[in-house]
Protein backbone atom coordinates (compact mmCIF):
# COMPACT_ATOMS: atom_id res chain seq x y z
CA UNK A 1 35.10 11.45 61.57
CA UNK A 2 37.36 13.88 59.59
CA UNK A 3 37.36 14.23 55.91
CA UNK A 4 40.83 13.43 54.45
CA UNK A 5 41.97 16.08 51.57
CA UNK A 6 44.73 16.31 49.22
CA UNK A 7 45.53 19.58 47.57
CA UNK A 8 46.47 19.79 44.14
CA UNK A 9 48.13 23.10 42.79
CA UNK A 10 51.34 23.69 41.01
CA UNK A 11 51.63 27.04 42.87
CA UNK A 12 53.04 26.58 46.46
CA UNK A 13 51.44 29.68 47.82
CA UNK A 14 48.09 28.57 46.71
CA UNK A 15 48.61 25.30 48.23
CA UNK A 16 49.69 26.89 51.50
CA UNK A 17 46.66 29.31 51.46
CA UNK A 18 44.19 26.30 50.97
CA UNK A 19 45.93 24.16 53.68
CA UNK A 20 46.05 27.32 56.02
CA UNK A 21 42.29 27.85 55.39
CA UNK A 22 41.33 24.19 55.97
CA UNK A 23 43.38 23.56 59.00
CA UNK A 24 40.80 26.14 60.86
CA UNK A 25 37.92 23.56 60.28
CA UNK A 26 38.30 20.23 62.37
CA UNK A 27 36.13 18.35 60.16
CA UNK A 28 38.81 18.50 57.49
CA UNK A 29 42.51 16.93 57.42
CA UNK A 30 44.85 17.77 54.57
CA UNK A 31 46.74 14.60 54.46
CA UNK A 32 49.02 15.51 51.54
CA UNK A 33 49.71 18.08 48.60
CA UNK A 34 50.74 17.55 45.24
CA UNK A 35 52.14 19.84 42.52
CA UNK A 36 51.32 17.92 39.38
CA UNK A 37 48.71 15.31 37.97
CA UNK A 38 50.76 12.30 38.51
CA UNK A 39 51.69 13.20 41.94
CA UNK A 40 48.13 13.63 42.52
CA UNK A 41 47.32 10.18 41.11
CA UNK A 42 49.97 8.49 43.12
CA UNK A 43 48.95 10.24 46.49
CA UNK A 44 45.35 9.20 45.93
CA UNK A 45 46.53 5.52 45.90
CA UNK A 46 48.89 6.27 49.02
CA UNK A 47 46.64 8.34 51.07
CA UNK A 48 43.13 7.26 50.12
CA UNK A 49 41.48 10.63 50.72
CA UNK A 50 37.91 11.48 50.64
CA UNK A 51 38.10 14.70 48.54
CA UNK A 52 40.73 16.00 46.05
CA UNK A 53 40.74 19.79 45.76
CA UNK A 54 42.62 20.06 42.36
CA UNK A 55 43.76 22.80 40.05
CA UNK A 56 42.63 22.39 36.36
CA UNK A 57 45.69 23.90 34.69
CA UNK A 58 48.53 21.66 35.97
CA UNK A 59 52.03 21.23 34.09
CA UNK A 60 52.07 18.32 31.70
CA UNK A 61 48.89 16.21 32.30
CA UNK A 62 45.77 18.28 33.22
CA UNK A 63 43.56 18.30 36.27
CA UNK A 64 40.86 16.95 34.39
CA UNK A 65 42.99 14.14 33.09
CA UNK A 66 44.03 13.34 36.55
CA UNK A 67 40.27 13.57 37.54
CA UNK A 68 39.41 10.91 34.84
CA UNK A 69 42.12 8.47 36.13
CA UNK A 70 41.18 9.01 39.66
CA UNK A 71 37.62 8.26 39.24
CA UNK A 72 38.46 5.19 37.12
CA UNK A 73 40.48 3.50 40.11
CA UNK A 74 39.12 5.03 43.04
CA UNK A 75 35.36 6.05 42.09
CA UNK A 76 34.57 6.81 45.74
CA UNK A 77 36.88 9.54 45.74
CA UNK A 78 35.36 13.25 45.16
CA UNK A 79 37.11 15.70 43.13
CA UNK A 80 36.62 19.32 43.08
CA UNK A 81 38.13 21.33 40.15
CA UNK A 82 39.87 24.65 40.99
CA UNK A 83 40.18 27.09 38.21
CA UNK A 84 40.90 30.80 37.56
CA UNK A 85 38.48 31.01 34.46
CA UNK A 86 35.02 30.38 33.83
CA UNK A 87 35.68 28.42 30.65
CA UNK A 88 32.59 26.26 29.25
CA UNK A 89 34.67 23.78 27.47
CA UNK A 90 36.66 23.18 30.81
CA UNK A 91 33.44 23.20 32.89
CA UNK A 92 31.84 20.59 30.78
CA UNK A 93 35.07 18.42 30.29
CA UNK A 94 35.34 18.30 34.17
CA UNK A 95 31.84 17.26 34.49
CA UNK A 96 32.17 14.43 32.06
CA UNK A 97 35.40 13.24 33.76
CA UNK A 98 33.60 12.78 36.97
CA UNK A 99 34.35 15.91 39.08
CA UNK A 100 31.82 16.53 41.72
CA UNK A 101 32.62 20.11 42.00
CA UNK A 102 33.86 23.24 39.94
CA UNK A 103 35.07 26.17 42.00
CA UNK A 104 36.48 29.38 40.59
CA UNK A 105 39.57 30.56 42.44
CA UNK A 106 37.98 33.97 43.15
CA UNK A 107 35.38 32.24 45.55
CA UNK A 108 35.71 33.36 49.29
CA UNK A 109 36.44 31.01 52.00
CA UNK A 110 32.94 30.48 53.08
CA UNK A 111 31.88 29.53 49.57
CA UNK A 112 34.92 26.98 49.29
CA UNK A 113 33.79 25.61 52.70
CA UNK A 114 30.25 25.18 51.63
CA UNK A 115 31.44 23.49 48.43
CA UNK A 116 33.52 20.98 50.53
CA UNK A 117 30.46 20.40 52.60
CA UNK A 118 28.06 19.67 49.76
CA UNK A 119 30.60 17.11 48.00
CA UNK A 120 31.46 15.49 51.48
CA UNK A 121 27.82 14.72 51.67
CA UNK A 122 27.80 13.12 48.31
CA UNK A 123 26.41 16.04 46.28
CA UNK A 124 27.90 18.29 43.74
CA UNK A 125 28.89 21.88 43.87
CA UNK A 126 29.07 24.38 41.00
CA UNK A 127 30.30 27.96 41.52
CA UNK A 128 27.55 30.24 41.01
CA UNK A 129 29.19 31.89 38.07
CA UNK A 130 29.16 28.99 35.95
CA UNK A 131 25.75 27.31 37.30
CA UNK A 132 23.57 29.20 34.60
CA UNK A 133 25.82 27.98 31.96
CA UNK A 134 25.32 24.45 32.78
CA UNK A 135 21.60 24.77 32.87
CA UNK A 136 21.67 26.43 29.24
CA UNK A 137 23.84 23.52 28.01
CA UNK A 138 21.51 20.84 29.48
CA UNK A 139 18.45 22.77 27.77
CA UNK A 140 20.22 23.06 24.71
CA UNK A 141 21.10 19.27 24.75
CA UNK A 142 17.50 18.31 25.63
CA UNK A 143 16.30 20.31 22.67
CA UNK A 144 18.92 18.64 20.25
CA UNK A 145 17.87 15.11 21.47
CA UNK A 146 14.20 15.84 20.99
CA UNK A 147 14.75 17.43 17.65
CA UNK A 148 16.81 14.23 16.65
CA UNK A 149 13.88 12.20 17.55
CA UNK A 150 12.06 13.51 14.69
CA UNK A 151 14.96 13.76 12.07
CA UNK A 152 13.84 10.89 10.00
CA UNK A 153 10.21 12.34 9.34
CA UNK A 154 9.61 14.68 6.72
CA UNK A 155 7.75 17.83 7.41
CA UNK A 156 4.50 16.45 6.16
CA UNK A 157 4.97 13.36 8.08
CA UNK A 158 5.43 15.47 11.34
CA UNK A 159 2.14 17.23 10.62
CA UNK A 160 0.36 13.98 10.20
CA UNK A 161 1.95 12.68 13.48
CA UNK A 162 0.86 15.68 15.32
CA UNK A 163 -2.62 15.31 14.30
CA UNK A 164 -2.49 11.55 15.23
CA UNK A 165 -1.34 12.83 18.67
CA UNK A 166 -4.49 14.72 18.78
CA UNK A 167 -6.43 11.65 18.32
CA UNK A 168 -7.69 12.47 14.93
CA UNK A 169 -8.70 9.64 12.36
CA UNK A 170 -7.07 9.17 9.06
CA UNK A 171 -10.26 10.61 7.44
CA UNK A 172 -10.03 13.70 9.64
CA UNK A 173 -6.39 14.32 8.81
CA UNK A 174 -7.03 13.94 5.31
CA UNK A 175 -9.71 16.73 5.66
CA UNK A 176 -7.22 18.94 7.63
CA UNK A 177 -3.99 18.62 5.19
CA UNK A 178 -6.32 18.44 2.01
CA UNK A 179 -4.97 14.98 1.34
CA UNK A 180 -6.58 11.47 0.06
CA UNK A 181 -7.34 9.10 2.67
CA UNK A 182 -5.34 6.62 1.16
CA UNK A 183 -2.18 8.94 1.26
CA UNK A 184 -2.77 9.75 4.76
CA UNK A 185 -2.94 5.87 5.44
CA UNK A 186 0.46 5.52 3.79
CA UNK A 187 2.12 8.40 5.86
CA UNK A 188 1.10 6.71 9.12
CA UNK A 189 2.29 3.49 7.85
CA UNK A 190 5.67 5.15 7.17
CA UNK A 191 5.66 7.09 10.62
CA UNK A 192 5.14 3.86 12.43
CA UNK A 193 8.03 2.25 10.51
CA UNK A 194 10.56 5.16 11.01
CA UNK A 195 9.74 5.70 14.73
CA UNK A 196 9.76 1.89 15.18
CA UNK A 197 6.61 1.84 17.00
CA UNK A 198 3.48 -0.74 16.61
CA UNK A 199 0.41 1.48 16.48
CA UNK A 200 -1.06 4.88 16.46
CA UNK A 201 -1.26 5.16 20.36
CA UNK A 202 2.38 4.54 20.55
CA UNK A 203 3.41 7.01 18.01
CA UNK A 204 1.00 9.68 19.57
CA UNK A 205 2.81 8.94 23.04
CA UNK A 206 6.27 9.25 21.19
CA UNK A 207 5.07 12.61 19.86
CA UNK A 208 4.15 14.05 23.29
CA UNK A 209 6.90 12.60 24.94
CA UNK A 210 9.52 14.35 22.62
CA UNK A 211 7.51 17.49 22.28
CA UNK A 212 6.85 17.16 18.46
CA UNK A 213 4.86 20.63 18.66
CA UNK A 214 7.94 22.37 19.38
CA UNK A 215 9.36 21.43 15.85
CA UNK A 216 6.49 22.40 13.67
């Protein structure tokens, strides 16, 4: 079955170029064109496309806002965002809005068709020029989340937790950190309370899972 596509761009020449390209591929059918976000939202309701190929920068409401509305009412519709610039804020806003693809207009015809094929199969597609930025952002977000996992602990408590995760007893921890055994016991009790875990084993597992060693 042909995949039905709506092309959304405020420049007629761009729409004509994309339609001319897609007309060469029998697996795709351009069922409509729109020049604004509101037109696109209405046409999705009228034509029930499989894919919307949409410019991010549109007059009035942006393509990202349109994507968000489309995904709320028609979550099965896949949206590929088109843009002339590799802007990080636009990229991540598009992903959050539910876009399945993010493609720079500088892409060649083969690259665009590959993106369409990936999205048509239920996958996602990012322009190679922005893929590395996504991975960097994901890694940064993971690091921030892990760091926040220990934000309630003092530096000394983190040191104690690290030694707990290594299987050391209170006596052994006291010797390593030059503390009294009672002091260590108090630290461990405080750690369990702050991390909302029941015992040392759970605290140790938490420390390993959230990579405590990276924050000491």
